[in-house]
Each structure stands twice: as C-alpha cells, then as structure tokens.
Protein backbone atom coordinates (compact mmCIF):
# COMPACT_ATOMS: atom_id res chain seq x y z
CA MET A 1 0.00 0.00 0.00
CA LEU A 2 2.85 2.41 0.89
CA ARG A 3 4.64 1.69 -2.37
CA THR A 4 1.56 2.73 -4.36
CA VAL A 5 1.98 6.25 -2.97
CA GLY A 6 5.74 6.34 -3.62
CA ILE A 7 7.05 5.50 -0.14
CA PRO A 8 9.97 3.02 -0.21
CA THR A 9 9.08 -0.11 1.74
CA ARG A 10 10.32 -3.63 2.01
CA ILE A 11 9.22 -6.86 3.61
CA VAL A 12 11.68 -8.46 6.00
CA ASN A 13 11.74 -12.13 6.97
CA GLY A 14 13.63 -13.23 10.02
CA PHE A 15 13.34 -14.42 13.57
CA GLN A 16 12.41 -12.82 16.83
CA THR A 17 15.00 -13.05 19.59
CA GLY A 18 13.78 -16.37 20.98
CA VAL A 19 14.18 -17.17 24.66
CA TYR A 20 17.24 -17.36 26.89
CA ASN A 21 17.99 -20.84 28.24
CA ALA A 22 19.76 -20.46 31.59
CA LEU A 23 20.70 -24.16 31.63
CA GLY A 24 22.45 -24.09 28.26
CA HIS A 25 23.57 -20.45 28.56
CA ASP A 26 22.29 -19.69 25.08
CA TYR A 27 19.36 -18.21 23.21
CA VAL A 28 16.99 -20.73 21.67
CA VAL A 29 15.34 -19.59 18.46
CA ARG A 30 12.67 -21.97 17.21
CA ALA A 31 10.67 -22.16 14.00
CA ARG A 32 7.78 -20.58 15.89
CA ASP A 33 9.99 -17.48 16.29
CA ALA A 34 10.00 -16.96 12.50
CA HIS A 35 8.41 -13.66 11.60
CA SER A 36 7.83 -11.18 8.77
CA TRP A 37 7.40 -7.43 9.11
CA VAL A 38 7.51 -4.25 7.05
CA GLU A 39 10.23 -1.61 7.04
CA VAL A 40 9.76 1.90 5.67
CA TYR A 41 12.61 4.11 4.48
CA PHE A 42 12.75 7.68 5.80
CA ASN A 43 15.37 10.11 4.54
CA GLY A 44 17.82 10.92 7.31
CA PHE A 45 16.64 8.01 9.47
CA GLY A 46 17.03 4.91 7.30
CA TRP A 47 14.83 1.83 7.45
CA ILE A 48 12.31 1.89 10.30
CA PRO A 49 10.43 -1.32 11.20
CA PHE A 50 6.65 -1.30 11.35
CA ASP A 51 5.08 -4.42 12.77
CA PRO A 52 1.32 -4.37 13.12
CA THR A 53 1.20 -8.09 13.94
CA PRO A 54 -0.77 -8.76 17.13
CA PRO A 55 0.65 -11.15 19.75
CA ASP A 56 -0.03 -14.85 19.18
CA PRO A 57 -3.04 -15.87 21.26
CA ASN A 58 -1.84 -19.50 21.18
CA GLU A 59 1.67 -18.79 22.48
CA THR A 60 3.27 -21.64 24.41
CA GLY A 61 2.64 -21.24 28.13
CA ALA A 62 5.18 -21.24 30.92
CA ALA A 63 4.24 -24.81 31.87
CA TRP A 64 6.49 -26.17 29.13
CA GLY A 65 9.24 -23.60 29.74
CA ALA A 66 11.34 -25.65 32.17
CA LEU A 67 10.97 -28.84 30.14
CA ASP A 68 11.90 -26.92 26.98
CA ASP A 69 14.99 -25.56 28.75
CA TYR A 70 16.14 -29.06 29.71
CA LEU A 71 15.48 -30.48 26.26
CA ASP A 72 17.23 -27.57 24.55
CA ALA A 73 20.22 -27.78 26.91
CA ALA A 74 20.47 -31.53 26.26
CA SER A 75 20.31 -30.91 22.52
CA LEU A 76 23.02 -28.25 22.75
CA PHE A 77 25.21 -30.54 24.85
CA TRP A 78 24.70 -33.41 22.41
CA SER A 79 25.63 -31.20 19.45
CA GLU A 80 28.66 -29.66 21.13
CA TRP A 81 30.16 -32.71 22.85
CA ILE A 82 29.02 -35.66 20.74
CA ILE A 83 28.32 -34.58 17.17
CA ASN A 84 30.87 -31.76 16.94
CA TYR A 85 33.49 -33.48 19.12
CA ASP A 86 36.43 -33.42 16.76
CA PHE A 87 40.18 -33.25 17.23
CA SER A 88 40.22 -29.48 17.86
CA ARG A 89 37.54 -29.91 20.55
CA GLN A 90 39.61 -32.68 22.15
CA VAL A 91 42.66 -30.40 22.19
CA GLU A 92 40.58 -27.59 23.72
CA LEU A 93 39.26 -29.90 26.44
CA ALA A 94 42.74 -31.28 27.19
CA ARG A 95 44.12 -27.73 27.43
CA ASP A 96 41.34 -26.72 29.85
CA VAL A 97 41.95 -29.78 32.04
CA GLU A 98 45.70 -29.12 32.06
CA GLN A 99 45.21 -25.46 33.04
CA GLN A 100 42.80 -26.35 35.84
CA SER A 101 45.13 -29.10 37.05
CA ARG A 102 48.11 -26.73 37.01
CA PHE A 103 46.08 -24.14 38.95
CA PHE A 104 45.05 -26.77 41.52
CA HIS A 105 48.64 -27.97 42.00
CA GLU A 106 49.98 -24.44 42.36
CA ALA A 107 47.26 -23.51 44.85
CA ILE A 108 47.76 -26.59 47.04
CA ASN A 109 51.55 -26.26 46.92
CA ARG A 110 51.41 -22.53 47.82
CA ARG A 111 49.19 -23.33 50.80
CA PHE A 112 51.64 -26.02 51.91
CA LEU A 113 54.56 -23.59 51.67
CA LYS A 114 52.57 -20.87 53.46
CA VAL A 115 51.71 -23.18 56.37
CA LEU A 116 55.33 -24.26 56.77
CA GLY A 117 56.58 -20.69 56.28
CA LYS A 118 54.50 -19.56 59.25
CA LYS A 119 56.25 -22.23 61.29
CA GLY A 120 59.68 -20.88 60.30
CA HIS A 121 60.47 -23.35 57.51
CA ARG A 122 61.28 -21.62 54.24
CA LYS A 123 61.77 -23.38 50.92
CA PHE A 124 64.59 -21.93 48.86
CA PRO A 125 63.96 -21.43 45.12
CA ALA A 126 66.69 -23.92 44.16
CA GLN A 127 65.19 -26.71 46.30
CA THR A 128 62.94 -29.35 44.81
CA PRO A 129 59.84 -30.26 46.85
CA ARG A 130 61.54 -33.51 47.95
CA GLU A 131 64.73 -31.68 49.02
CA PHE A 132 62.64 -29.23 51.03
CA ALA A 133 60.74 -32.05 52.74
CA ALA A 134 64.07 -33.72 53.59
CA THR A 135 65.16 -30.61 55.53
CA LEU A 136 62.12 -31.16 57.79
CA ALA A 137 62.86 -34.85 58.47
CA ALA A 138 64.15 -34.23 62.00
CA SER A 139 61.28 -31.90 62.96
CA PRO A 140 57.87 -33.01 64.29
CA LEU A 141 56.46 -31.96 60.89
CA GLY A 142 58.80 -34.24 58.93
CA ALA A 143 56.60 -37.31 58.42
CA ARG A 144 53.55 -35.32 57.35
CA ALA A 145 55.61 -33.04 55.09
CA GLU A 146 57.22 -36.09 53.48
CA GLU A 147 53.85 -37.78 52.88
CA PHE A 148 52.35 -34.55 51.50
CA THR A 149 55.33 -34.06 49.17
CA SER A 150 55.19 -37.66 48.00
CA LEU A 151 51.45 -37.42 47.21
CA TYR A 152 51.92 -34.03 45.55
CA ASN A 153 54.77 -35.32 43.36
CA SER A 154 52.85 -38.45 42.32
CA VAL A 155 49.90 -36.32 41.23
CA ARG A 156 51.95 -33.51 39.70
CA PHE A 157 54.43 -35.62 37.80
CA GLY A 158 52.71 -39.00 37.61
CA ALA A 159 49.41 -40.16 36.23
CA GLU A 160 47.57 -40.57 39.52
CA ALA A 161 44.34 -38.88 40.54
CA ALA A 162 44.58 -36.20 43.18
CA PRO A 163 43.95 -37.62 46.68
CA LEU A 164 42.43 -34.29 47.66
CA PRO A 165 40.92 -35.39 51.00
CA ARG A 166 44.26 -36.74 52.23
CA LEU A 167 46.17 -33.65 51.03
CA ARG A 168 43.69 -31.41 52.88
CA GLU A 169 43.93 -33.57 55.98
CA LEU A 170 47.73 -33.34 55.96
CA LEU A 171 47.59 -29.55 55.49
CA ASP A 172 45.18 -29.25 58.42
CA GLN A 173 47.45 -31.41 60.59
CA LEU A 174 50.51 -29.35 59.60
CA SER A 175 48.63 -26.15 60.40
CA ARG A 176 47.70 -27.39 63.86
CA SER A 177 51.15 -28.81 64.68
C-alpha cells in the first residue's frame, strides 16, 4: 500500500529473539519465532520497522518452559560434545583440564609452603619439593611433610588422581602442629 503512494518499503523475513535458556547459557530460536514485518525508508533516518502483527493468542505457556529448557540444553550438549566433538575440541578440552590441574597444583603447593613458612620453615627457590621435605625430616612436621610431598609429586608428575581429602587432611594437621 505504501509503495503505491511512492514510499519506499520492504518486507523483511527473520526471527524474533527467541528465549534465553539459563541451563544451556544460550538463546533458543525456534521455528515458531519466524516472523515477517515491514520496514519503511525515511530520509535521514534509514529503514524503520513497522510491525502491526498482534501477539499470538496460542503462544506456548510457561508450563512447558522448564521442560523446553532441559530439552534444549540436552540438545546443545549433544551437538557440542558428541556430534561436533572433533580433534580441535579434544585439544581444547585437554588444554582446559591441564590449566585447571596446574592451577590446583599451584594452589595446594602454595598453601603447603605458606603453612610451613609460618612455622619458620622456608623453601629456597633452588630446592625441589623432595629436598625441602628432607630438611624437615628431623622436625615433628617431617613425616607429614614427606607424605604430603610424595602425594603431591605423584599427582603432579605421575598419572595418579589427586587424593584431595588426604592432602587437605595433611595440610590441616601441619597447620595445627
């Protein structure tokens, strides 16, 4: 109708924004979000959307919202970690695990050194963890420091899983000693 009176118009096909899925941390845009509207060109302003479409009286209610979120999150997970799980994704995952592991080891080791530092035992930069633990052998802390160092080394440089409960227990015992 606007074009018949010389006003530039166009029809636009696209999608509305969809809904945010807090479980998948993404926006879900479904086929039901497809939409068409009109845009009118105004000199100095550009294309301005005009959408006289009334809201859908049959819009999906909130009752299905949570179920939709779970299904969409599962679909996203399946796509990302099963279908699209290629070599680059494996490298990315391995890199993330390595960084988290390195952070964990550094944090636990710093706490160990802090606890012993408060008790007057300082590790010199040139000392390995085992050499440092050996300097404590004659002290009441020696056995626990040796066990902690042995567990730390086996996790840090071996292929063993972190015995986190035991490491925490040893740190607590060293703190109280």
